Protein backbone atom coordinates (compact mmCIF):
# COMPACT_ATOMS: atom_id res chain seq x y z
CA MET A 1 -216.73 -39.68 -16.08
CA GLY A 2 -220.23 -39.72 -17.95
CA CYS A 3 -221.15 -41.20 -21.41
CA SER A 4 -222.78 -38.93 -23.93
CA GLY A 5 -226.20 -39.55 -25.40
CA GLY A 6 -227.15 -42.11 -22.59
CA SER A 7 -225.38 -44.91 -24.46
CA CYS A 8 -224.08 -46.73 -21.42
CA SER A 9 -225.61 -49.97 -20.38
CA THR A 10 -225.23 -52.45 -17.41
CA CYS A 11 -224.55 -55.37 -19.61
CA SER A 12 -225.38 -56.91 -22.99
CA SER A 13 -228.84 -58.27 -23.51
CA CYS A 14 -228.98 -61.93 -22.23
CA SER A 15 -231.24 -64.42 -20.53
CA THR A 16 -231.07 -67.44 -18.46
CA GLY A 17 -233.32 -69.17 -20.73
CA ASP A 18 -234.40 -71.83 -18.24
CA GLY A 19 -237.82 -70.56 -17.45
CA ARG A 20 -236.76 -69.67 -13.86
CA ASP A 21 -238.31 -66.75 -12.07
CA ASP A 22 -235.46 -64.36 -11.42
CA ASN A 23 -237.37 -63.13 -8.42
CA GLU A 24 -237.26 -66.44 -6.55
CA LEU A 25 -234.32 -67.49 -4.62
CA PRO A 26 -232.91 -70.99 -5.07
CA PRO A 27 -233.96 -73.49 -2.26
CA GLY A 28 -231.87 -73.63 0.93
CA MET A 29 -230.36 -69.90 0.61
CA LEU A 30 -232.21 -68.68 3.61
CA ASP A 31 -230.51 -71.24 5.85
CA ARG A 32 -226.96 -71.00 4.55
CA TYR A 33 -225.38 -67.94 6.03
CA ASP A 34 -225.22 -66.89 9.72
CA LEU A 35 -223.29 -63.49 9.68
CA ASP A 36 -224.65 -61.93 12.88
CA GLN A 37 -221.22 -62.05 14.56
CA SER A 38 -219.43 -59.77 16.89
CA THR A 39 -216.43 -59.86 14.65
CA ALA A 40 -218.20 -58.07 11.81
CA ASP A 41 -216.17 -54.95 10.76
CA GLY A 42 -215.66 -52.82 7.73
CA VAL A 43 -217.91 -52.03 4.64
CA LEU A 44 -218.51 -53.84 1.44
CA VAL A 45 -219.71 -51.83 -1.67
CA TRP A 46 -221.07 -53.38 -4.87
CA LEU A 47 -219.73 -51.39 -7.77
CA GLU A 48 -222.21 -51.30 -10.84
CA VAL A 49 -220.37 -51.39 -14.07
CA LEU A 50 -221.77 -49.53 -17.24
CA HIS A 51 -220.58 -50.50 -20.58
CA CYS A 52 -219.99 -47.54 -22.69
CA PRO A 53 -218.73 -46.96 -26.23
CA GLU A 54 -215.45 -45.84 -24.99
CA GLY A 55 -215.12 -48.83 -22.48
CA PRO A 56 -216.54 -49.83 -19.18
CA ARG A 57 -216.61 -47.60 -16.32
CA ILE A 58 -218.31 -47.67 -12.79
CA SER A 59 -221.59 -45.83 -12.31
CA ASP A 60 -221.18 -42.34 -10.53
CA CYS A 61 -223.68 -43.57 -7.71
CA SER A 62 -221.38 -46.53 -7.03
CA MET A 63 -218.32 -44.32 -6.73
CA GLN A 64 -220.36 -41.84 -4.46
CA ALA A 65 -221.29 -44.91 -2.28
CA LEU A 66 -217.66 -46.08 -2.27
CA SER A 67 -216.28 -42.69 -1.33
CA ARG A 68 -218.78 -42.18 1.43
CA ALA A 69 -218.07 -45.64 2.79
CA THR A 70 -214.25 -45.08 3.07
CA GLY A 71 -214.85 -41.61 4.59
CA ILE A 72 -216.99 -42.84 7.46
CA ASN A 73 -215.56 -46.41 7.95
CA GLU A 74 -212.70 -47.12 10.49
CA GLY A 75 -212.32 -50.58 9.18
CA ARG A 76 -211.39 -52.05 5.94
CA THR A 77 -213.47 -51.15 2.74
CA TYR A 78 -214.08 -53.97 0.23
CA ALA A 79 -215.40 -53.57 -3.45
CA VAL A 80 -216.99 -56.08 -5.49
CA ILE A 81 -217.19 -55.86 -9.30
CA PHE A 82 -218.51 -58.44 -11.73
CA GLY A 83 -217.15 -58.71 -15.36
CA GLY A 84 -214.20 -59.65 -17.55
CA GLN A 85 -210.53 -58.70 -17.81
CA ASP A 86 -211.50 -55.40 -19.52
CA LEU A 87 -212.32 -54.15 -15.88
CA LYS A 88 -208.70 -54.29 -14.77
CA PRO A 89 -207.99 -50.78 -15.86
CA LEU A 90 -210.58 -49.65 -13.35
CA TYR A 91 -208.68 -50.95 -10.39
CA PRO A 92 -206.52 -47.72 -9.60
CA SER A 93 -209.57 -45.58 -9.44
CA VAL A 94 -211.25 -47.97 -7.11
CA PHE A 95 -208.16 -48.13 -4.87
CA GLY A 96 -207.69 -44.43 -5.17
CA CYS A 97 -211.36 -43.88 -3.86
CA GLY A 98 -210.31 -45.81 -0.68
CA ALA A 99 -211.14 -49.51 -1.34
CA GLY A 100 -208.38 -51.80 0.07
CA THR A 101 -209.50 -54.85 -1.56
CA ILE A 102 -211.43 -55.61 -4.79
CA TYR A 103 -213.15 -58.81 -5.18
CA HIS A 104 -213.35 -59.20 -9.05
CA VAL A 105 -215.88 -61.78 -10.05
CA ARG A 106 -214.66 -62.58 -13.44
CA ASP A 107 -215.50 -65.99 -14.69
CA LYS A 108 -218.22 -66.54 -17.46
CA GLY A 109 -221.02 -66.64 -15.01
CA SER A 110 -220.21 -62.90 -14.28
CA GLU A 111 -220.50 -61.68 -17.92
CA CYS A 112 -224.23 -61.26 -17.90
CA TYR A 113 -226.43 -59.82 -14.90
CA ASP A 114 -228.55 -62.48 -13.10
CA SER A 115 -229.94 -61.26 -9.70
CA ASN A 116 -229.78 -64.73 -8.15
CA VAL A 117 -226.18 -65.54 -9.13
CA TYR A 118 -224.98 -61.95 -8.28
CA SER A 119 -226.75 -61.72 -5.15
CA ILE A 120 -225.68 -65.19 -3.87
CA THR A 121 -222.03 -64.68 -4.98
CA ILE A 122 -221.91 -61.26 -3.09
CA CYS A 123 -223.29 -63.19 -0.13
CA ASP A 124 -220.38 -65.76 -0.44
CA ILE A 125 -218.04 -62.78 -0.27
CA ILE A 126 -219.65 -61.38 2.68
CA ASP A 127 -219.50 -64.70 4.29
CA ARG A 128 -215.64 -64.44 3.80
CA VAL A 129 -214.97 -60.87 4.89
CA VAL A 130 -217.82 -60.39 7.55
CA PRO A 131 -218.52 -56.72 6.93
CA SER A 132 -220.74 -54.89 9.42
CA ALA A 133 -222.40 -52.90 6.54
CA VAL A 134 -223.17 -53.58 2.76
CA ILE A 135 -223.85 -50.48 0.48
CA LEU A 136 -225.18 -50.51 -3.05
CA PRO A 137 -226.24 -47.83 -5.38
CA ALA A 138 -229.99 -47.40 -5.30
CA SER A 139 -230.37 -48.17 -9.08
CA GLU A 140 -232.77 -50.70 -10.39
CA ARG A 141 -230.14 -53.49 -10.26
CA GLY A 142 -228.52 -52.33 -6.95
CA THR A 143 -231.96 -52.30 -5.22
CA GLN A 144 -232.76 -55.66 -6.58
CA LEU A 145 -229.56 -57.07 -5.22
CA ALA A 146 -230.03 -55.48 -1.94
CA GLU A 147 -233.37 -56.87 -1.48
CA LYS A 148 -232.18 -60.41 -2.24
CA ILE A 149 -229.08 -60.03 -0.08
CA SER A 150 -230.94 -58.81 2.84
CA GLU A 151 -233.50 -61.58 2.30
CA ILE A 152 -230.69 -64.33 2.04
CA LEU A 153 -228.98 -63.08 5.19
CA GLY A 154 -232.13 -62.37 7.21
CA VAL A 155 -231.15 -58.72 7.97
CA GLU A 156 -232.94 -55.37 7.52
CA PHE A 157 -232.76 -53.59 4.25
CA ASN A 158 -232.61 -49.86 4.36
CA PRO A 159 -233.57 -48.68 0.85
CA ASP A 160 -233.05 -45.33 -0.95
CA CYS A 161 -230.89 -43.62 1.82
CA THR A 162 -230.41 -39.89 1.68
CA SER A 163 -227.71 -40.04 4.54
CA ILE A 164 -225.34 -42.83 5.54
CA ASP A 165 -223.19 -42.51 8.65
CA MET A 166 -221.22 -44.91 10.89
CA ASP A 167 -220.71 -45.13 14.72
CA GLY A 168 -217.86 -47.68 15.12
CA ARG A 169 -219.34 -50.80 13.45
CA ILE A 170 -222.87 -49.61 13.34
CA LEU A 171 -224.23 -48.03 10.32
CA SER A 172 -226.92 -45.37 10.52
CA THR A 173 -229.07 -44.42 7.79
CA VAL A 174 -231.81 -41.85 6.74
CA PRO A 175 -234.30 -43.25 4.15
CA ALA A 176 -235.97 -41.26 1.65
CA PRO A 177 -239.45 -39.79 2.61
CA LEU A 178 -242.11 -42.51 2.26
CA SER A 179 -239.59 -45.38 2.30
CA GLN A 180 -240.12 -48.16 4.45
CA PHE A 181 -237.78 -51.08 6.01
CA MET A 182 -238.45 -54.23 4.44
CA MET A 183 -237.77 -56.13 7.69
CA SER A 184 -237.54 -55.63 11.42
CA ASN A 185 -236.36 -57.39 14.45
CA ARG A 186 -233.88 -59.32 12.34
CA LYS A 187 -230.15 -59.93 12.84
CA THR A 188 -227.68 -57.19 13.58
CA PHE A 189 -224.97 -57.70 10.84
CA PRO A 190 -224.50 -56.77 8.07
CA LYS A 191 -226.78 -53.72 7.71
CA VAL A 192 -227.64 -53.47 4.05
CA ALA A 193 -228.50 -50.06 2.35
CA THR A 194 -228.83 -48.51 -0.91
CA LEU A 195 -227.70 -44.90 -1.40
CA ILE A 196 -229.71 -42.41 -3.76
CA ALA A 197 -227.49 -40.93 -6.55
CA ASP A 198 -225.91 -37.64 -5.95
CA THR A 199 -226.63 -37.67 -2.28
CA TYR A 200 -222.94 -37.25 -1.98
CA PRO A 201 -220.50 -35.67 -4.55
CA THR A 202 -218.79 -37.97 -7.17
CA PRO A 203 -215.13 -38.12 -6.03
CA GLU A 204 -212.44 -36.91 -8.05
CA THR A 205 -210.47 -39.61 -10.10
CA LYS A 206 -207.18 -40.42 -8.46
CA GLU A 207 -205.18 -43.67 -8.56
CA GLY A 208 -204.15 -45.90 -5.75
CA GLN A 209 -203.00 -49.34 -5.02
CA GLY A 210 -204.45 -52.33 -3.20
CA THR A 211 -205.16 -56.11 -3.36
CA ALA A 212 -207.29 -57.66 -6.10
CA ILE A 213 -208.71 -61.05 -5.56
CA TYR A 214 -210.35 -63.10 -8.39
CA TRP A 215 -213.66 -64.74 -7.40
CA GLN A 216 -216.04 -67.22 -8.99
CA THR A 217 -219.71 -66.83 -9.27
CA TRP A 218 -222.00 -69.03 -7.27
CA LYS A 219 -222.86 -72.15 -9.40
CA LYS A 220 -226.06 -73.89 -9.20
CA ALA A 221 -225.85 -77.60 -7.93
């Protein structure tokens, strides 16, 4: 599943070009979502796409997170990917790893990484499916998105986890040594966590079937 020579990248070089600080959330985002509901169920996993010479693939850490999520989750497992039509051949392996539904964000706004656009779009999907947990790979972008998602939703962020488990709808995590929770005494659902690479084995590739839903990126007013 790897690429030789470290030639994979997460997306082509691009910039918003509007002088906006990518670390700042747009106004009003903190008050938009209220997901602390008793109906929260299932797990949502963001899958980081790597662009390799032989074509796009999903990062090993993302597949490890997806496999772990489906193994401990009694509800539905949702996967989110950003990119164009060239990602469709990845569907069978994502379904084969246990995802029941793929939310494929595939308009032009998804082509280049923007942490605000990606995080708010993921929050829109979270608002639709109401998962009890959201898991992302502990990559640079996965961590950045997890921080923003937890800030938008007003929930705790559990970074750099070395263990993830689930008791019914409640996600329990073990953070890496010296890691600290970003927030405390916040809403219960969903719990947001990032998983360190190779904490769990990369699943064997197998094909499956499920539902793919096309989604659009969040657009600034």
